[in-house]
Amino acid sequence: MPLDIAPVGSEHDAHATLMRLLNHLPGLAYRCRINNDYSKSVLEFASKGSYDLLGMSPEELVRDNFNTFERMTLPSDLHMVKIRIRDSIVAHTPYQLTYRLALPSGAAKWIWDQGEAVYDQNGNACYLEGIIMDVSEQKFQELALQEENRQLKFAADRLYGLGPIVGKSDGMRRVYRRMLKAAETDTNVIIYGETGCGKDLVARTIHDYSGRKGAYIPVNCGAIPESLLESEFFGHTRGSFSGAVANKEGYIAAAHNGTLFLDEIGELPMHLQVKLLRAIENKMYTPIGGNTPKVSNFRLVAATNQDLAQLVREKKTRSDFYYRINVLTITLPPLREREGDLPLLIEAWCDRNKTRLKIPLQVRHYIEKYPWPGNVRELHNFLARYAAFGEAALEGLGALTGESAPPADGLTLEEATLQLEDRMIRHALEQCRWRRKDAAEYLGLNLRTLQRKMKRLGI
């Protein structure tokens, strides 16, 4: 029975109730009669949502005895729409379509169309019933983000950086392409790279380009005492332990609808990996002392300068945790492998700090040959010292102590780098009177990293 024919008797109230419901839906409900070969359909009913959606009355839509929606569909979308609806009729499944309608005003509107066929007792489709909603705002935002990323991909192959990140080397261009791919999805990302390569900057840029509305929450896993890790990540309720004088929100809650960046993720203890894995998988967590699970729609980006696969083999990282976070990988090249990027990094540092450095040719030649084991962070610290002290800043690189000579032939790059690290760390410790925290800052490292390098070198 067509919906615009009101029955009499007890069915009248039910029909009136149904009509009120359809006319108050946040969209346009419709019913189309279709012919035997499904090639044509006629719009028989439209709800009053047509006023807001199309600027037309239901009577205008149905009066000419054809499918008004089909005639309003843009030609470039119409073929796809007809095929998708016909396929759903044959398969006896609902359809969901997103396409564009041309309004009488001349404007185009993106709509979401969800419906299904109604069949007679012989299994022949006789009607299409569904609802249409306006999704123009969401679609235009999606298309704008896609276009922005398309332009950024083009720029990443031709220009000298991405956002605040500077570099034109082949290695960095590969990084830019991976970053833009990461920004288009919500999949977990892990960034590999040596200390000082700029992993935090990469993570922050991915967040900025992802369009996520929540906050960017960076966490240095190696800087939190192990006894406080669970409370810092999941939060706690008042009175849950000694010193918990008030409810506290953790990092996971703070990253709701945003990005949780876990730096030095290889430092997380095994017991926390288990609990964090659950939160990553189902986006739910329970604060310490609480009984009610909470939801946080965070996106995870992690970073490490360690070989996580090796940590799995050494039973220091859980394999299920590793496979959950190691989905999309980005490997940052060390500064010594970024050919041609050093002048750009120096210029960018000068621009950011609103200063100009006059670097003599012999000094520039030296810093171009220097392997920069501390990477971009060490370069920035050197430039700050050079701006203040001139060539005396080279002492921090071993240049004034006769230790800047090339390593002996026959050494591997790793052996030569270890030798240089040993000299630099000893020099920094002597300059800072063996105060490790000051030496770490002098070298552009965090304290945990310096301690790990000292242990490896036997200092």
Protein backbone atom coordinates (compact mmCIF):
# COMPACT_ATOMS: atom_id res chain seq x y z
CA MET A 1 0.00 0.00 0.00
CA PRO A 2 1.46 3.42 -0.93
CA LEU A 3 2.35 5.42 2.14
CA ASP A 4 0.33 8.48 1.12
CA ILE A 5 -3.02 6.63 1.28
CA ALA A 6 -4.49 6.83 4.79
CA PRO A 7 -6.38 3.70 5.87
CA VAL A 8 -9.49 3.90 7.98
CA GLY A 9 -10.45 2.38 11.31
CA SER A 10 -7.91 1.23 13.84
CA GLU A 11 -5.10 1.33 11.30
CA HIS A 12 -5.48 5.09 10.89
CA ASP A 13 -3.75 5.95 14.15
CA ALA A 14 -0.88 3.59 13.40
CA HIS A 15 -0.48 5.15 9.96
CA ALA A 16 -0.54 8.67 11.40
CA THR A 17 2.10 7.69 13.96
CA LEU A 18 4.28 6.23 11.21
CA MET A 19 3.95 9.38 9.12
CA ARG A 20 4.90 11.59 12.08
CA LEU A 21 7.95 9.42 12.65
CA LEU A 22 9.04 9.55 9.02
CA ASN A 23 8.50 13.30 8.78
CA HIS A 24 10.63 13.94 11.89
CA LEU A 25 13.59 11.82 10.84
CA PRO A 26 16.91 13.73 10.46
CA GLY A 27 16.82 13.12 6.73
CA LEU A 28 14.47 12.24 3.88
CA ALA A 29 12.60 8.91 3.89
CA TYR A 30 11.51 7.65 0.48
CA ARG A 31 9.77 4.85 -1.40
CA CYS A 32 10.24 4.07 -5.10
CA ARG A 33 8.28 1.61 -7.23
CA ILE A 34 10.53 -0.35 -9.62
CA ASN A 35 9.72 -2.15 -12.88
CA ASN A 36 10.28 -5.82 -13.65
CA ASP A 37 13.82 -5.55 -15.05
CA TYR A 38 14.88 -3.05 -12.34
CA SER A 39 15.96 -0.53 -15.00
CA LYS A 40 13.53 2.21 -13.95
CA SER A 41 11.89 3.39 -10.76
CA VAL A 42 9.22 5.92 -9.87
CA LEU A 43 9.28 7.95 -6.66
CA GLU A 44 5.96 7.41 -4.86
CA PHE A 45 6.64 8.82 -1.41
CA ALA A 46 8.99 11.35 0.16
CA SER A 47 8.94 12.62 3.73
CA LYS A 48 8.99 16.28 4.77
CA GLY A 49 12.74 16.07 5.26
CA SER A 50 12.85 17.03 1.59
CA TYR A 51 12.45 20.70 2.58
CA ASP A 52 15.73 20.80 4.53
CA LEU A 53 17.64 18.41 2.30
CA LEU A 54 16.65 19.62 -1.17
CA GLY A 55 14.61 22.78 -0.73
CA MET A 56 11.62 21.03 -2.33
CA SER A 57 8.29 19.78 -1.01
CA PRO A 58 7.32 16.08 -1.07
CA GLU A 59 4.57 16.95 -3.54
CA GLU A 60 7.08 18.48 -5.97
CA LEU A 61 9.24 15.37 -5.81
CA VAL A 62 6.50 12.85 -6.63
CA ARG A 63 4.14 14.79 -8.93
CA ASP A 64 5.85 14.05 -12.30
CA ASN A 65 5.76 10.26 -11.98
CA PHE A 66 9.51 9.59 -12.29
CA ASN A 67 12.50 9.12 -9.98
CA THR A 68 13.39 12.70 -9.10
CA PHE A 69 16.51 11.64 -7.15
CA GLU A 70 17.86 9.83 -10.20
CA ARG A 71 17.38 12.91 -12.36
CA MET A 72 19.11 15.07 -9.74
CA THR A 73 22.13 12.75 -9.42
CA LEU A 74 25.25 14.09 -11.10
CA PRO A 75 25.95 12.19 -14.35
CA SER A 76 29.43 11.19 -13.16
CA ASP A 77 27.86 9.41 -10.15
CA LEU A 78 24.66 8.04 -11.72
CA HIS A 79 26.14 4.95 -13.42
CA MET A 80 27.75 3.82 -10.16
CA VAL A 81 24.52 4.37 -8.20
CA LYS A 82 22.36 2.37 -10.63
CA ILE A 83 24.80 -0.56 -10.74
CA ARG A 84 25.17 -0.69 -6.94
CA ILE A 85 21.40 -0.62 -6.38
CA ARG A 86 20.74 -3.25 -9.05
CA ASP A 87 23.43 -5.52 -7.53
CA SER A 88 21.88 -5.19 -4.07
CA ILE A 89 18.42 -6.05 -5.45
CA VAL A 90 19.71 -9.19 -7.13
CA ALA A 91 21.67 -10.22 -4.02
CA HIS A 92 18.77 -9.37 -1.65
CA THR A 93 21.06 -7.14 0.45
CA PRO A 94 20.73 -3.52 1.65
CA TYR A 95 22.71 -0.79 -0.09
CA GLN A 96 24.65 2.17 1.28
CA LEU A 97 25.77 4.83 -1.19
CA THR A 98 27.43 8.22 -1.06
CA TYR A 99 26.94 10.43 -4.11
CA ARG A 100 26.05 13.96 -5.23
CA LEU A 101 22.75 15.60 -6.07
CA ALA A 102 22.37 18.80 -8.09
CA LEU A 103 19.87 21.08 -6.32
CA PRO A 104 17.46 23.42 -8.12
CA SER A 105 19.66 26.30 -6.92
CA GLY A 106 22.56 24.91 -8.95
CA ALA A 107 24.57 23.85 -5.88
CA ALA A 108 25.73 20.26 -5.38
CA LYS A 109 25.15 18.33 -2.17
CA TRP A 110 26.76 15.11 -0.96
CA ILE A 111 24.17 12.65 0.35
CA TRP A 112 24.28 9.29 2.10
CA ASP A 113 21.59 6.92 0.79
CA GLN A 114 20.76 3.75 2.74
CA GLY A 115 17.93 1.47 1.65
CA GLU A 116 16.84 -1.96 0.49
CA ALA A 117 14.34 -3.57 -1.83
CA VAL A 118 10.89 -4.85 -0.79
CA TYR A 119 9.95 -8.14 -2.45
CA ASP A 120 6.59 -9.75 -3.19
CA GLN A 121 5.69 -13.30 -2.21
CA ASN A 122 7.34 -14.61 -5.38
CA GLY A 123 10.64 -12.93 -4.55
CA ASN A 124 10.29 -10.19 -7.14
CA ALA A 125 11.50 -6.74 -6.10
CA CYS A 126 8.67 -4.21 -6.27
CA TYR A 127 9.83 -1.24 -4.13
CA LEU A 128 12.94 0.50 -2.88
CA GLU A 129 12.63 2.00 0.61
CA GLY A 130 15.31 3.99 2.35
CA ILE A 131 16.53 7.22 3.90
CA ILE A 132 18.78 9.97 2.53
CA MET A 133 20.90 12.22 4.76
CA ASP A 134 23.10 15.26 4.07
CA VAL A 135 26.81 14.45 4.56
CA SER A 136 28.21 17.41 2.65
CA GLU A 137 30.17 18.89 5.55
CA GLN A 138 31.90 15.62 6.42
CA LYS A 139 32.56 14.82 2.76
CA PHE A 140 34.00 18.24 1.99
CA GLN A 141 36.31 17.94 5.02
CA GLU A 142 37.40 14.49 3.83
CA LEU A 143 38.03 15.74 0.31
CA ALA A 144 39.91 18.78 1.59
CA LEU A 145 42.16 16.54 3.69
CA GLN A 146 42.74 14.23 0.72
CA GLU A 147 43.60 17.17 -1.51
CA GLU A 148 45.91 18.63 1.13
CA ASN A 149 47.71 15.30 1.46
CA ARG A 150 47.89 14.95 -2.33
CA GLN A 151 49.55 18.34 -2.58
CA LEU A 152 51.85 17.51 0.32
CA LYS A 153 52.88 14.27 -1.39
CA PHE A 154 53.66 16.26 -4.52
CA ALA A 155 55.59 18.82 -2.48
CA ALA A 156 57.46 16.13 -0.55
CA ASP A 157 58.93 14.84 -3.81
CA ARG A 158 59.91 18.28 -5.10
CA LEU A 159 60.61 20.58 -2.14
CA TYR A 160 62.86 20.52 0.89
CA GLY A 161 60.68 19.48 3.79
CA LEU A 162 57.33 18.56 5.26
CA GLY A 163 55.78 20.94 7.77
CA PRO A 164 58.48 21.81 10.33
CA ILE A 165 60.77 18.97 9.16
CA VAL A 166 63.63 19.96 6.88
CA GLY A 167 65.54 17.81 4.40
CA LYS A 168 65.70 16.92 0.71
CA SER A 169 67.75 13.72 0.82
CA ASP A 170 66.28 10.55 -0.64
CA GLY A 171 65.99 9.04 2.83
CA MET A 172 63.94 11.95 4.13
CA ARG A 173 61.68 11.97 1.09
CA ARG A 174 60.90 8.34 1.80
CA VAL A 175 60.08 9.36 5.37
CA TYR A 176 57.71 12.10 4.15
CA ARG A 177 55.78 9.63 2.01
CA ARG A 178 55.40 7.24 4.94
CA MET A 179 54.30 10.09 7.22
CA LEU A 180 51.56 11.16 4.83
CA LYS A 181 50.39 7.58 4.50
CA ALA A 182 50.27 7.37 8.30
CA ALA A 183 48.29 10.62 8.51
CA GLU A 184 45.57 9.20 6.26
CA THR A 185 44.83 6.26 8.57
CA ASP A 186 44.35 5.52 12.27
CA THR A 187 46.66 2.51 12.27
CA ASN A 188 49.40 2.21 14.90
CA VAL A 189 52.75 3.70 13.87
CA ILE A 190 56.25 3.06 15.18
CA ILE A 191 59.19 5.33 14.39
CA TYR A 192 62.69 3.87 14.44
CA GLY A 193 65.77 6.04 14.59
CA GLU A 194 68.89 6.90 16.50
CA THR A 195 68.82 9.31 19.41
CA GLY A 196 68.43 12.90 18.28
CA CYS A 197 66.95 12.17 14.82
CA GLY A 198 63.68 14.00 15.54
CA LYS A 199 61.26 11.17 16.21
CA ASP A 200 59.03 13.40 18.36
CA LEU A 201 58.81 15.97 15.55
CA VAL A 202 57.77 13.26 13.09
CA ALA A 203 55.08 11.99 15.48
CA ARG A 204 53.75 15.51 16.10
CA THR A 205 53.61 16.22 12.36
CA ILE A 206 51.67 13.00 11.71
CA HIS A 207 49.18 14.10 14.36
CA ASP A 208 48.86 17.59 12.86
CA TYR A 209 48.20 16.24 9.36
CA SER A 210 45.84 13.50 10.54
CA GLY A 211 43.08 16.00 11.35
CA ARG A 212 42.39 14.42 14.76
CA LYS A 213 40.61 16.91 17.03
CA GLY A 214 42.08 15.73 20.33
CA ALA A 215 45.41 16.62 21.90
CA TYR A 216 48.90 15.36 21.11
CA ILE A 217 50.20 13.70 24.29
CA PRO A 218 53.96 12.92 24.26
CA VAL A 219 55.27 10.48 26.88
CA ASN A 220 58.93 9.60 27.49
CA CYS A 221 58.64 6.03 28.74
CA GLY A 222 62.25 6.03 29.92
CA ALA A 223 61.82 9.06 32.16
CA ILE A 224 58.98 7.76 34.39
CA PRO A 225 59.84 5.81 37.55
CA GLU A 226 58.56 2.26 37.19
CA SER A 227 56.47 2.55 40.38
CA LEU A 228 54.48 5.41 38.81
CA LEU A 229 54.02 4.05 35.28
CA GLU A 230 50.58 2.49 35.74
CA SER A 231 49.17 5.56 37.51
CA GLU A 232 50.62 7.92 34.89
CA PHE A 233 49.12 5.95 32.00
CA PHE A 234 45.72 4.92 33.39
CA GLY A 235 45.12 7.53 36.10
CA HIS A 236 43.80 6.75 39.57
CA THR A 237 40.87 7.42 41.87
CA ARG A 238 41.02 9.22 45.17
CA GLY A 239 42.22 6.97 47.99
CA SER A 240 43.35 4.17 45.67
CA PHE A 241 46.82 4.26 47.24
CA SER A 242 48.79 6.31 49.72
CA GLY A 243 49.14 9.84 48.39
CA ALA A 244 46.18 9.62 45.99
CA VAL A 245 44.34 12.61 47.51
CA ALA A 246 42.25 13.27 44.38
CA ASN A 247 41.14 11.64 41.13
CA LYS A 248 43.79 11.93 38.45
CA GLU A 249 43.44 11.59 34.69
CA GLY A 250 46.20 9.58 32.97
CA TYR A 251 47.90 9.90 29.62
CA ILE A 252 45.41 7.59 27.88
CA ALA A 253 42.43 9.70 28.96
CA ALA A 254 44.21 12.91 27.95
CA ALA A 255 44.78 11.51 24.45
CA HIS A 256 41.06 10.87 23.77
CA ASN A 257 40.35 11.65 20.09
CA GLY A 258 44.00 12.63 19.75
CA THR A 259 47.43 10.99 19.55
CA LEU A 260 49.37 9.21 22.30
CA PHE A 261 53.08 9.34 21.47
CA LEU A 262 55.22 6.86 23.42
CA ASP A 263 58.91 7.67 23.06
CA GLU A 264 61.48 5.05 24.10
CA ILE A 265 58.75 2.41 24.10
CA GLY A 266 61.38 -0.29 24.50
CA GLU A 267 61.80 0.86 28.12
CA LEU A 268 58.27 -0.24 29.13
CA PRO A 269 58.29 -3.15 31.61
CA MET A 270 56.53 -6.39 30.67
CA HIS A 271 53.66 -6.06 33.15
CA LEU A 272 52.67 -2.66 31.76
CA GLN A 273 52.87 -3.96 28.19
CA VAL A 274 50.07 -6.43 29.04
CA LYS A 275 47.74 -3.71 30.36
CA LEU A 276 48.61 -1.26 27.63
CA LEU A 277 47.97 -3.91 24.98
CA ARG A 278 44.37 -4.24 26.16
CA ALA A 279 43.86 -0.48 25.95
CA ILE A 280 45.34 -0.39 22.44
CA GLU A 281 43.11 -3.23 21.24
CA ASN A 282 39.72 -2.17 22.62
CA LYS A 283 40.32 1.53 23.48
CA MET A 284 39.16 0.88 27.05
CA TYR A 285 41.03 1.20 30.34
CA THR A 286 40.30 1.25 34.07
CA PRO A 287 41.96 3.77 36.42
CA ILE A 288 43.74 2.39 39.47
CA GLY A 289 41.16 1.95 42.22
CA GLY A 290 38.25 2.21 39.79
CA ASN A 291 35.69 -0.40 38.82
CA THR A 292 34.16 1.16 35.71
CA PRO A 293 36.02 0.86 32.38
CA LYS A 294 36.47 4.11 30.49
CA VAL A 295 36.84 4.74 26.77
CA SER A 296 39.60 6.67 25.04
CA ASN A 297 39.66 6.84 21.25
CA PHE A 298 43.39 7.52 21.03
CA ARG A 299 45.73 6.89 18.11
CA LEU A 300 49.07 5.32 19.06
CA VAL A 301 52.40 6.46 17.68
CA ALA A 302 55.51 4.94 19.27
CA ALA A 303 59.24 5.50 18.83
CA THR A 304 62.46 3.77 19.81
CA ASN A 305 66.18 3.75 19.09
CA GLN A 306 66.35 0.05 19.97
CA ASP A 307 65.76 -3.08 17.92
CA LEU A 308 62.36 -4.21 19.22
CA ALA A 309 62.55 -7.51 17.36
CA GLN A 310 65.77 -8.26 19.24
CA LEU A 311 64.08 -7.30 22.53
CA VAL A 312 61.35 -9.83 21.70
CA ARG A 313 63.98 -12.52 21.17
CA GLU A 314 65.59 -11.55 24.48
CA LYS A 315 62.18 -11.82 26.23
CA LYS A 316 62.29 -8.13 27.17
CA THR A 317 59.30 -7.22 25.00
CA ARG A 318 56.15 -9.29 24.57
CA SER A 319 55.63 -10.60 21.05
CA ASP A 320 51.88 -9.77 21.05
CA PHE A 321 52.66 -6.22 22.15
CA TYR A 322 55.34 -5.91 19.45
CA TYR A 323 53.05 -7.10 16.65
CA ARG A 324 50.26 -4.78 17.82
CA ILE A 325 52.38 -1.62 17.71
CA ASN A 326 54.64 -2.58 14.77
CA VAL A 327 52.01 -2.04 12.06
CA LEU A 328 53.24 0.90 9.98
CA THR A 329 56.96 1.59 10.42
CA ILE A 330 58.91 4.77 9.69
CA THR A 331 62.71 4.63 9.85
CA LEU A 332 64.50 7.96 10.23
CA PRO A 333 67.97 8.03 8.67
CA PRO A 334 70.82 9.33 10.85
CA LEU A 335 72.19 12.74 9.96
CA ARG A 336 75.44 11.23 8.60
CA GLU A 337 73.38 9.49 5.87
CA ARG A 338 71.34 12.55 4.90
CA GLU A 339 73.44 13.86 2.03
CA GLY A 340 72.77 17.51 1.26
CA ASP A 341 70.55 18.15 4.29
CA LEU A 342 73.11 19.79 6.60
CA PRO A 343 73.03 23.28 4.99
CA LEU A 344 69.22 23.21 5.02
CA LEU A 345 69.16 22.26 8.71
CA ILE A 346 71.59 25.05 9.58
CA GLU A 347 69.54 27.60 7.64
CA ALA A 348 66.30 26.40 9.24
CA TRP A 349 67.84 26.66 12.74
CA CYS A 350 68.99 30.22 12.00
CA ASP A 351 65.54 31.21 10.72
CA ARG A 352 63.80 29.70 13.75
CA ASN A 353 66.15 31.46 16.16
CA LYS A 354 66.18 34.72 14.15
CA THR A 355 69.95 34.81 13.88
CA ARG A 356 72.62 34.64 11.19
CA LEU A 357 75.80 32.62 11.55
CA LYS A 358 78.97 33.38 9.63
CA ILE A 359 80.64 30.01 9.38
CA PRO A 360 84.12 30.08 7.79
CA LEU A 361 84.86 27.65 5.01
CA GLN A 362 87.24 25.52 7.10
CA VAL A 363 84.66 25.21 9.90
CA ARG A 364 81.91 24.36 7.45
CA HIS A 365 84.17 21.75 5.87
CA TYR A 366 84.81 20.20 9.29
CA ILE A 367 81.15 20.00 10.34
CA GLU A 368 80.25 18.48 6.99
CA LYS A 369 82.78 15.71 7.63
CA TYR A 370 81.80 15.20 11.25
CA PRO A 371 79.54 12.09 11.69
CA TRP A 372 77.14 13.71 14.19
CA PRO A 373 76.45 10.69 16.43
CA GLY A 374 73.93 12.83 18.33
CA ASN A 375 72.21 13.64 15.01
CA VAL A 376 70.01 16.73 14.59
CA ARG A 377 69.80 17.37 18.33
CA GLU A 378 73.58 17.49 18.57
CA LEU A 379 73.74 19.79 15.54
CA HIS A 380 71.25 22.21 17.14
CA ASN A 381 73.22 22.23 20.40
CA PHE A 382 76.44 22.86 18.49
CA LEU A 383 74.87 25.76 16.55
CA ALA A 384 73.67 27.32 19.82
CA ARG A 385 77.20 27.06 21.26
CA TYR A 386 78.72 28.36 18.03
CA ALA A 387 76.38 31.37 18.05
CA ALA A 388 77.58 32.17 21.59
CA PHE A 389 81.26 31.18 21.53
CA GLY A 390 82.33 31.00 17.90
CA GLU A 391 84.96 28.45 16.96
CA ALA A 392 85.49 27.55 20.61
CA ALA A 393 82.30 25.50 20.22
CA LEU A 394 84.29 23.06 18.12
CA GLU A 395 85.95 21.86 21.29
CA GLY A 396 82.73 20.01 22.07
CA LEU A 397 83.30 18.03 18.88
CA GLY A 398 86.91 17.18 19.78
CA ALA A 399 88.36 19.52 17.14
CA LEU A 400 90.73 21.40 19.48
CA THR A 401 92.07 18.33 21.25
CA GLY A 402 93.58 16.67 18.21
CA GLU A 403 90.84 14.03 18.28
CA SER A 404 89.17 15.10 15.08
CA ALA A 405 91.52 13.13 12.85
CA PRO A 406 89.89 10.45 10.73
CA PRO A 407 89.81 7.00 12.34
CA ALA A 408 92.39 4.42 11.37
CA ASP A 409 91.82 2.44 8.21
CA GLY A 410 90.19 -0.94 8.60
CA LEU A 411 87.53 0.12 11.11
CA THR A 412 83.86 -0.40 10.36
CA LEU A 413 81.51 2.58 10.56
CA GLU A 414 80.08 1.21 13.81
CA GLU A 415 83.56 0.81 15.34
CA ALA A 416 84.58 4.30 14.26
CA THR A 417 81.34 5.76 15.64
CA LEU A 418 81.89 4.00 18.98
CA GLN A 419 85.39 5.42 19.19
CA LEU A 420 84.10 8.91 18.51
CA GLU A 421 81.26 8.51 21.02
CA ASP A 422 83.77 7.39 23.65
CA ARG A 423 85.94 10.49 23.08
CA MET A 424 82.95 12.84 23.06
CA ILE A 425 81.38 11.42 26.21
CA ARG A 426 84.67 11.50 28.13
CA HIS A 427 85.28 15.06 26.99
CA ALA A 428 81.77 16.14 28.01
CA LEU A 429 82.14 14.48 31.42
CA GLU A 430 85.45 16.28 31.99
CA GLN A 431 83.95 19.60 30.91
CA CYS A 432 81.01 19.09 33.30
CA ARG A 433 83.16 17.77 36.19
CA TRP A 434 81.65 14.31 35.75
CA ARG A 435 78.13 15.48 36.50
CA ARG A 436 76.22 13.07 34.28
CA LYS A 437 73.05 15.14 33.99
CA ASP A 438 75.03 18.20 32.83
CA ALA A 439 77.08 16.05 30.46
CA ALA A 440 73.92 14.59 28.94
CA GLU A 441 72.56 18.10 28.31
CA TYR A 442 75.96 19.16 26.90
CA LEU A 443 75.78 16.29 24.39
CA GLY A 444 72.10 16.76 23.57
CA LEU A 445 71.09 13.43 25.11
CA ASN A 446 68.71 12.44 27.87
CA LEU A 447 70.27 11.00 31.03
CA ARG A 448 69.03 7.44 30.45
CA THR A 449 70.57 7.36 26.97
CA LEU A 450 73.90 8.70 28.24
CA GLN A 451 73.99 6.08 31.00
CA ARG A 452 73.23 3.33 28.50
CA LYS A 453 76.04 4.51 26.18
CA MET A 454 78.50 4.78 29.08
CA LYS A 455 77.70 1.24 30.14
CA ARG A 456 78.18 -0.03 26.60
CA LEU A 457 81.53 1.79 26.29
CA GLY A 458 82.72 0.73 29.74
CA ILE A 459 83.06 4.28 31.03
